[in-house]
Amino acid sequence: MKEAKNYNSWLKYSSYALQLFLMIGGAIYGGIKLDEKLKCSPLLTITLPLLVLGVTFYKLIKETTKRKGNDG
């Protein structure tokens, strides 16, 4: 049973990594396109990925610091 729980934890956190890469890629692509449209290069190309990183790390820290009794 403990091995299954460890496997589930590994799977959950690896999905966070995949989600982070996809969101950063989308933020960079969106930032480039918005910068071209608004002619404010490289403001959004830098700002959007940093915003994604901040939100994702906040979410990850919040998730990993849950109390053990609240595993639901």
PDB file of N, CA and C in Angstrom:
ATOM      1  N   MET A   1       0.824  -1.203   0.000  1.00  0.00           N
ATOM      2  CA  MET A   1       0.000   0.000   0.000  1.00  0.00           C
ATOM      3  C   MET A   1       0.869   1.268   0.000  1.00  0.00           C
ATOM      4  N   LYS A   2       1.978   1.206   0.759  1.00  0.00           N
ATOM      5  CA  LYS A   2       2.853   2.366   0.833  1.00  0.00           C
ATOM      6  C   LYS A   2       3.510   2.640  -0.519  1.00  0.00           C
ATOM      7  N   GLU A   3       3.847   1.568  -1.272  1.00  0.00           N
ATOM      8  CA  GLU A   3       4.448   1.743  -2.584  1.00  0.00           C
ATOM      9  C   GLU A   3       3.486   2.435  -3.538  1.00  0.00           C
ATOM     10  N   ALA A   4       2.210   2.095  -3.455  1.00  0.00           N
ATOM     11  CA  ALA A   4       1.209   2.730  -4.318  1.00  0.00           C
ATOM     12  C   ALA A   4       1.080   4.209  -3.983  1.00  0.00           C
ATOM     13  N   LYS A   5       1.154   4.544  -2.701  1.00  0.00           N
ATOM     14  CA  LYS A   5       1.055   5.944  -2.298  1.00  0.00           C
ATOM     15  C   LYS A   5       2.268   6.726  -2.792  1.00  0.00           C
ATOM     16  N   ASN A   6       3.466   6.126  -2.702  1.00  0.00           N
ATOM     17  CA  ASN A   6       4.673   6.789  -3.205  1.00  0.00           C
ATOM     18  C   ASN A   6       4.586   6.986  -4.711  1.00  0.00           C
ATOM     19  N   TYR A   7       4.072   5.987  -5.415  1.00  0.00           N
ATOM     20  CA  TYR A   7       3.917   6.091  -6.863  1.00  0.00           C
ATOM     21  C   TYR A   7       2.940   7.202  -7.210  1.00  0.00           C
ATOM     22  N   ASN A   8       1.838   7.319  -6.468  1.00  0.00           N
ATOM     23  CA  ASN A   8       0.863   8.379  -6.714  1.00  0.00           C
ATOM     24  C   ASN A   8       1.461   9.754  -6.455  1.00  0.00           C
ATOM     25  N   SER A   9       2.274   9.886  -5.419  1.00  0.00           N
ATOM     26  CA  SER A   9       2.934  11.165  -5.136  1.00  0.00           C
ATOM     27  C   SER A   9       3.891  11.535  -6.262  1.00  0.00           C
ATOM     28  N   TRP A  10       4.666  10.553  -6.720  1.00  0.00           N
ATOM     29  CA  TRP A  10       5.595  10.800  -7.819  1.00  0.00           C
ATOM     30  C   TRP A  10       4.846  11.235  -9.065  1.00  0.00           C
ATOM     31  N   LEU A  11       3.740  10.567  -9.358  1.00  0.00           N
ATOM     32  CA  LEU A  11       2.943  10.893 -10.533  1.00  0.00           C
ATOM     33  C   LEU A  11       2.339  12.291 -10.419  1.00  0.00           C
ATOM     34  N   LYS A  12       1.871  12.639  -9.220  1.00  0.00           N
ATOM     35  CA  LYS A  12       1.265  13.952  -9.014  1.00  0.00           C
ATOM     36  C   LYS A  12       2.291  15.068  -9.227  1.00  0.00           C
ATOM     37  N   TYR A  13       3.487  14.913  -8.677  1.00  0.00           N
ATOM     38  CA  TYR A  13       4.487  15.972  -8.791  1.00  0.00           C
ATOM     39  C   TYR A  13       5.126  16.023 -10.170  1.00  0.00           C
ATOM     40  N   SER A  14       5.193  14.896 -10.861  1.00  0.00           N
ATOM     41  CA  SER A  14       5.692  14.951 -12.234  1.00  0.00           C
ATOM     42  C   SER A  14       4.678  15.638 -13.143  1.00  0.00           C
ATOM     43  N   SER A  15       3.402  15.515 -12.820  1.00  0.00           N
ATOM     44  CA  SER A  15       2.395  16.243 -13.597  1.00  0.00           C
ATOM     45  C   SER A  15       2.506  17.743 -13.346  1.00  0.00           C
ATOM     46  N   TYR A  16       2.917  18.145 -12.145  1.00  0.00           N
ATOM     47  CA  TYR A  16       3.169  19.562 -11.880  1.00  0.00           C
ATOM     48  C   TYR A  16       4.302  20.086 -12.766  1.00  0.00           C
ATOM     49  N   ALA A  17       5.342  19.279 -12.941  1.00  0.00           N
ATOM     50  CA  ALA A  17       6.472  19.698 -13.777  1.00  0.00           C
ATOM     51  C   ALA A  17       6.031  19.867 -15.228  1.00  0.00           C
ATOM     52  N   LEU A  18       5.265  18.910 -15.735  1.00  0.00           N
ATOM     53  CA  LEU A  18       4.768  19.006 -17.101  1.00  0.00           C
ATOM     54  C   LEU A  18       3.863  20.228 -17.262  1.00  0.00           C
ATOM     55  N   GLN A  19       3.012  20.440 -16.289  1.00  0.00           N
ATOM     56  CA  GLN A  19       2.107  21.595 -16.324  1.00  0.00           C
ATOM     57  C   GLN A  19       2.916  22.898 -16.306  1.00  0.00           C
ATOM     58  N   LEU A  20       3.969  22.955 -15.521  1.00  0.00           N
ATOM     59  CA  LEU A  20       4.810  24.145 -15.446  1.00  0.00           C
ATOM     60  C   LEU A  20       5.461  24.435 -16.794  1.00  0.00           C
ATOM     61  N   PHE A  21       6.036  23.418 -17.431  1.00  0.00           N
ATOM     62  CA  PHE A  21       6.673  23.620 -18.731  1.00  0.00           C
ATOM     63  C   PHE A  21       5.678  24.082 -19.782  1.00  0.00           C
ATOM     64  N   LEU A  22       4.497  23.476 -19.807  1.00  0.00           N
ATOM     65  CA  LEU A  22       3.487  23.872 -20.790  1.00  0.00           C
ATOM     66  C   LEU A  22       2.993  25.298 -20.551  1.00  0.00           C
ATOM     67  N   MET A  23       2.795  25.662 -19.288  1.00  0.00           N
ATOM     68  CA  MET A  23       2.311  27.006 -18.989  1.00  0.00           C
ATOM     69  C   MET A  23       3.375  28.060 -19.294  1.00  0.00           C
ATOM     70  N   ILE A  24       4.640  27.765 -19.012  1.00  0.00           N
ATOM     71  CA  ILE A  24       5.706  28.713 -19.332  1.00  0.00           C
ATOM     72  C   ILE A  24       5.822  28.875 -20.840  1.00  0.00           C
ATOM     73  N   GLY A  25       5.751  27.765 -21.555  1.00  0.00           N
ATOM     74  CA  GLY A  25       5.795  27.833 -23.013  1.00  0.00           C
ATOM     75  C   GLY A  25       4.654  28.655 -23.576  1.00  0.00           C
ATOM     76  N   GLY A  26       3.449  28.443 -23.050  1.00  0.00           N
ATOM     77  CA  GLY A  26       2.294  29.229 -23.489  1.00  0.00           C
ATOM     78  C   GLY A  26       2.432  30.700 -23.144  1.00  0.00           C
ATOM     79  N   ALA A  27       2.993  30.980 -21.970  1.00  0.00           N
ATOM     80  CA  ALA A  27       3.176  32.371 -21.558  1.00  0.00           C
ATOM     81  C   ALA A  27       4.212  33.071 -22.436  1.00  0.00           C
ATOM     82  N   ILE A  28       5.268  32.364 -22.791  1.00  0.00           N
ATOM     83  CA  ILE A  28       6.279  32.960 -23.672  1.00  0.00           C
ATOM     84  C   ILE A  28       5.687  33.221 -25.048  1.00  0.00           C
ATOM     85  N   TYR A  29       4.997  32.224 -25.582  1.00  0.00           N
ATOM     86  CA  TYR A  29       4.377  32.388 -26.902  1.00  0.00           C
ATOM     87  C   TYR A  29       3.356  33.538 -26.885  1.00  0.00           C
ATOM     88  N   GLY A  30       2.498  33.550 -25.870  1.00  0.00           N
ATOM     89  CA  GLY A  30       1.513  34.620 -25.762  1.00  0.00           C
ATOM     90  C   GLY A  30       2.151  35.978 -25.555  1.00  0.00           C
ATOM     91  N   GLY A  31       3.232  36.023 -24.777  1.00  0.00           N
ATOM     92  CA  GLY A  31       3.938  37.277 -24.555  1.00  0.00           C
ATOM     93  C   GLY A  31       4.563  37.823 -25.829  1.00  0.00           C
ATOM     94  N   ILE A  32       5.138  36.932 -26.626  1.00  0.00           N
ATOM     95  CA  ILE A  32       5.720  37.365 -27.897  1.00  0.00           C
ATOM     96  C   ILE A  32       4.648  37.914 -28.820  1.00  0.00           C
ATOM     97  N   LYS A  33       3.544  37.189 -28.938  1.00  0.00           N
ATOM     98  CA  LYS A  33       2.459  37.634 -29.824  1.00  0.00           C
ATOM     99  C   LYS A  33       1.844  38.952 -29.342  1.00  0.00           C
ATOM    100  N   LEU A  34       1.638  39.096 -28.037  1.00  0.00           N
ATOM    101  CA  LEU A  34       1.084  40.344 -27.513  1.00  0.00           C
ATOM    102  C   LEU A  34       2.061  41.503 -27.671  1.00  0.00           C
ATOM    103  N   ASP A  35       3.350  41.224 -27.471  1.00  0.00           N
ATOM    104  CA  ASP A  35       4.353  42.269 -27.680  1.00  0.00           C
ATOM    105  C   ASP A  35       4.375  42.745 -29.122  1.00  0.00           C
ATOM    106  N   GLU A  36       4.239  41.820 -30.070  1.00  0.00           N
ATOM    107  CA  GLU A  36       4.188  42.208 -31.479  1.00  0.00           C
ATOM    108  C   GLU A  36       2.958  43.061 -31.769  1.00  0.00           C
ATOM    109  N   LYS A  37       1.831  42.657 -31.189  1.00  0.00           N
ATOM    110  CA  LYS A  37       0.583  43.373 -31.444  1.00  0.00           C
ATOM    111  C   LYS A  37       0.570  44.749 -30.774  1.00  0.00           C
ATOM    112  N   LEU A  38       1.042  44.824 -29.538  1.00  0.00           N
ATOM    113  CA  LEU A  38       1.002  46.074 -28.779  1.00  0.00           C
ATOM    114  C   LEU A  38       2.268  46.908 -28.941  1.00  0.00           C
ATOM    115  N   LYS A  39       3.270  46.355 -29.606  1.00  0.00           N
ATOM    116  CA  LYS A  39       4.547  47.033 -29.839  1.00  0.00           C
ATOM    117  C   LYS A  39       5.204  47.521 -28.535  1.00  0.00           C
ATOM    118  N   CYS A  40       5.276  46.615 -27.577  1.00  0.00           N
ATOM    119  CA  CYS A  40       5.911  46.953 -26.294  1.00  0.00           C
ATOM    120  C   CYS A  40       6.972  45.910 -25.926  1.00  0.00           C
ATOM    121  N   SER A  41       7.688  45.448 -26.930  1.00  0.00           N
ATOM    122  CA  SER A  41       8.665  44.380 -26.751  1.00  0.00           C
ATOM    123  C   SER A  41       9.756  44.785 -25.771  1.00  0.00           C
ATOM    124  N   PRO A  42      10.257  43.951 -24.967  1.00  0.00           N
ATOM    125  CA  PRO A  42       9.955  42.595 -24.528  1.00  0.00           C
ATOM    126  C   PRO A  42       9.194  42.557 -23.201  1.00  0.00           C
ATOM    127  N   LEU A  43       8.408  43.550 -22.939  1.00  0.00           N
ATOM    128  CA  LEU A  43       7.736  43.671 -21.641  1.00  0.00           C
ATOM    129  C   LEU A  43       6.898  42.440 -21.291  1.00  0.00           C
ATOM    130  N   LEU A  44       5.970  42.051 -22.133  1.00  0.00           N
ATOM    131  CA  LEU A  44       5.092  40.928 -21.812  1.00  0.00           C
ATOM    132  C   LEU A  44       5.777  39.581 -21.977  1.00  0.00           C
ATOM    133  N   THR A  45       6.783  39.529 -22.839  1.00  0.00           N
ATOM    134  CA  THR A  45       7.537  38.286 -23.006  1.00  0.00           C
ATOM    135  C   THR A  45       8.268  37.925 -21.714  1.00  0.00           C
ATOM    136  N   ILE A  46       8.649  38.910 -20.947  1.00  0.00           N
ATOM    137  CA  ILE A  46       9.323  38.671 -19.664  1.00  0.00           C
ATOM    138  C   ILE A  46       8.314  38.553 -18.523  1.00  0.00           C
ATOM    139  N   THR A  47       7.303  39.403 -18.518  1.00  0.00           N
ATOM    140  CA  THR A  47       6.364  39.473 -17.408  1.00  0.00           C
ATOM    141  C   THR A  47       5.467  38.241 -17.287  1.00  0.00           C
ATOM    142  N   LEU A  48       4.906  37.777 -18.396  1.00  0.00           N
ATOM    143  CA  LEU A  48       3.978  36.646 -18.329  1.00  0.00           C
ATOM    144  C   LEU A  48       4.619  35.362 -17.801  1.00  0.00           C
ATOM    145  N   PRO A  49       5.795  34.946 -18.281  1.00  0.00           N
ATOM    146  CA  PRO A  49       6.404  33.742 -17.697  1.00  0.00           C
ATOM    147  C   PRO A  49       6.749  33.894 -16.213  1.00  0.00           C
ATOM    148  N   LEU A  50       7.182  35.097 -15.803  1.00  0.00           N
ATOM    149  CA  LEU A  50       7.464  35.307 -14.380  1.00  0.00           C
ATOM    150  C   LEU A  50       6.199  35.200 -13.545  1.00  0.00           C
ATOM    151  N   LEU A  51       5.106  35.704 -14.065  1.00  0.00           N
ATOM    152  CA  LEU A  51       3.821  35.583 -13.378  1.00  0.00           C
ATOM    153  C   LEU A  51       3.404  34.123 -13.263  1.00  0.00           C
ATOM    154  N   VAL A  52       3.579  33.367 -14.342  1.00  0.00           N
ATOM    155  CA  VAL A  52       3.257  31.932 -14.328  1.00  0.00           C
ATOM    156  C   VAL A  52       4.113  31.205 -13.300  1.00  0.00           C
ATOM    157  N   LEU A  53       5.410  31.510 -13.249  1.00  0.00           N
ATOM    158  CA  LEU A  53       6.289  30.881 -12.270  1.00  0.00           C
ATOM    159  C   LEU A  53       5.849  31.183 -10.843  1.00  0.00           C
ATOM    160  N   GLY A  54       5.527  32.442 -10.579  1.00  0.00           N
ATOM    161  CA  GLY A  54       5.097  32.826  -9.236  1.00  0.00           C
ATOM    162  C   GLY A  54       3.835  32.101  -8.811  1.00  0.00           C
ATOM    163  N   VAL A  55       2.846  32.058  -9.683  1.00  0.00           N
ATOM    164  CA  VAL A  55       1.579  31.395  -9.352  1.00  0.00           C
ATOM    165  C   VAL A  55       1.782  29.896  -9.186  1.00  0.00           C
ATOM    166  N   THR A  56       2.579  29.299 -10.054  1.00  0.00           N
ATOM    167  CA  THR A  56       2.800  27.852  -9.980  1.00  0.00           C
ATOM    168  C   THR A  56       3.558  27.465  -8.722  1.00  0.00           C
ATOM    169  N   PHE A  57       4.591  28.220  -8.372  1.00  0.00           N
ATOM    170  CA  PHE A  57       5.327  27.906  -7.153  1.00  0.00           C
ATOM    171  C   PHE A  57       4.484  28.150  -5.908  1.00  0.00           C
ATOM    172  N   TYR A  58       3.647  29.164  -5.923  1.00  0.00           N
ATOM    173  CA  TYR A  58       2.727  29.381  -4.804  1.00  0.00           C
ATOM    174  C   TYR A  58       1.810  28.178  -4.646  1.00  0.00           C
ATOM    175  N   LYS A  59       1.258  27.707  -5.767  1.00  0.00           N
ATOM    176  CA  LYS A  59       0.361  26.557  -5.748  1.00  0.00           C
ATOM    177  C   LYS A  59       1.092  25.303  -5.255  1.00  0.00           C
ATOM    178  N   LEU A  60       2.324  25.107  -5.711  1.00  0.00           N
ATOM    179  CA  LEU A  60       3.104  23.941  -5.311  1.00  0.00           C
ATOM    180  C   LEU A  60       3.444  23.991  -3.822  1.00  0.00           C
ATOM    181  N   ILE A  61       3.854  25.131  -3.330  1.00  0.00           N
ATOM    182  CA  ILE A  61       4.178  25.260  -1.901  1.00  0.00           C
ATOM    183  C   ILE A  61       2.935  25.049  -1.050  1.00  0.00           C
ATOM    184  N   LYS A  62       1.830  25.606  -1.479  1.00  0.00           N
ATOM    185  CA  LYS A  62       0.576  25.428  -0.747  1.00  0.00           C
ATOM    186  C   LYS A  62       0.177  23.951  -0.707  1.00  0.00           C
ATOM    187  N   GLU A  63       0.365  23.260  -1.816  1.00  0.00           N
ATOM    188  CA  GLU A  63       0.015  21.839  -1.899  1.00  0.00           C
ATOM    189  C   GLU A  63       0.938  20.970  -1.046  1.00  0.00           C
ATOM    190  N   THR A  64       2.232  21.268  -1.031  1.00  0.00           N
ATOM    191  CA  THR A  64       3.180  20.419  -0.317  1.00  0.00           C
ATOM    192  C   THR A  64       3.236  20.694   1.177  1.00  0.00           C
ATOM    193  N   THR A  65       2.709  21.815   1.629  1.00  0.00           N
ATOM    194  CA  THR A  65       2.735  22.105   3.062  1.00  0.00           C
ATOM    195  C   THR A  65       1.412  21.801   3.740  1.00  0.00           C
ATOM    196  N   LYS A  66       0.548  21.044   3.061  1.00  0.00           N
ATOM    197  CA  LYS A  66      -0.704  20.628   3.709  1.00  0.00           C
ATOM    198  C   LYS A  66      -0.391  19.762   4.908  1.00  0.00           C
ATOM    199  N   ARG A  67      -1.278  19.796   5.858  1.00  0.00           N
ATOM    200  CA  ARG A  67      -1.094  18.928   7.022  1.00  0.00           C
ATOM    201  C   ARG A  67      -1.331  17.487   6.617  1.00  0.00           C
ATOM    202  N   LYS A  68      -0.658  16.569   7.308  1.00  0.00           N
ATOM    203  CA  LYS A  68      -0.771  15.147   6.966  1.00  0.00           C
ATOM    204  C   LYS A  68      -2.193  14.639   7.124  1.00  0.00           C
ATOM    205  N   GLY A  69      -2.957  15.138   8.045  1.00  0.00           N
ATOM    206  CA  GLY A  69      -4.324  14.680   8.262  1.00  0.00           C
ATOM    207  C   GLY A  69      -5.280  15.098   7.165  1.00  0.00           C
ATOM    208  N   ASN A  70      -4.880  16.079   6.329  1.00  0.00           N
ATOM    209  CA  ASN A  70      -5.737  16.578   5.258  1.00  0.00           C
ATOM    210  C   ASN A  70      -5.298  16.056   3.902  1.00  0.00           C
ATOM    211  N   ASP A  71      -5.014  14.777   3.789  1.00  0.00           N
ATOM    212  CA  ASP A  71      -4.513  14.211   2.542  1.00  0.00           C
ATOM    213  C   ASP A  71      -5.570  14.113   1.464  1.00  0.00           C
ATOM    214  N   GLY A  72      -6.795  14.459   1.694  1.00  0.00           N
ATOM    215  CA  GLY A  72      -7.898  14.297   0.747  1.00  0.00           C
ATOM    216  C   GLY A  72      -7.804  15.083  -0.417  1.00  0.00           C
TER     217      GLY A  72
END
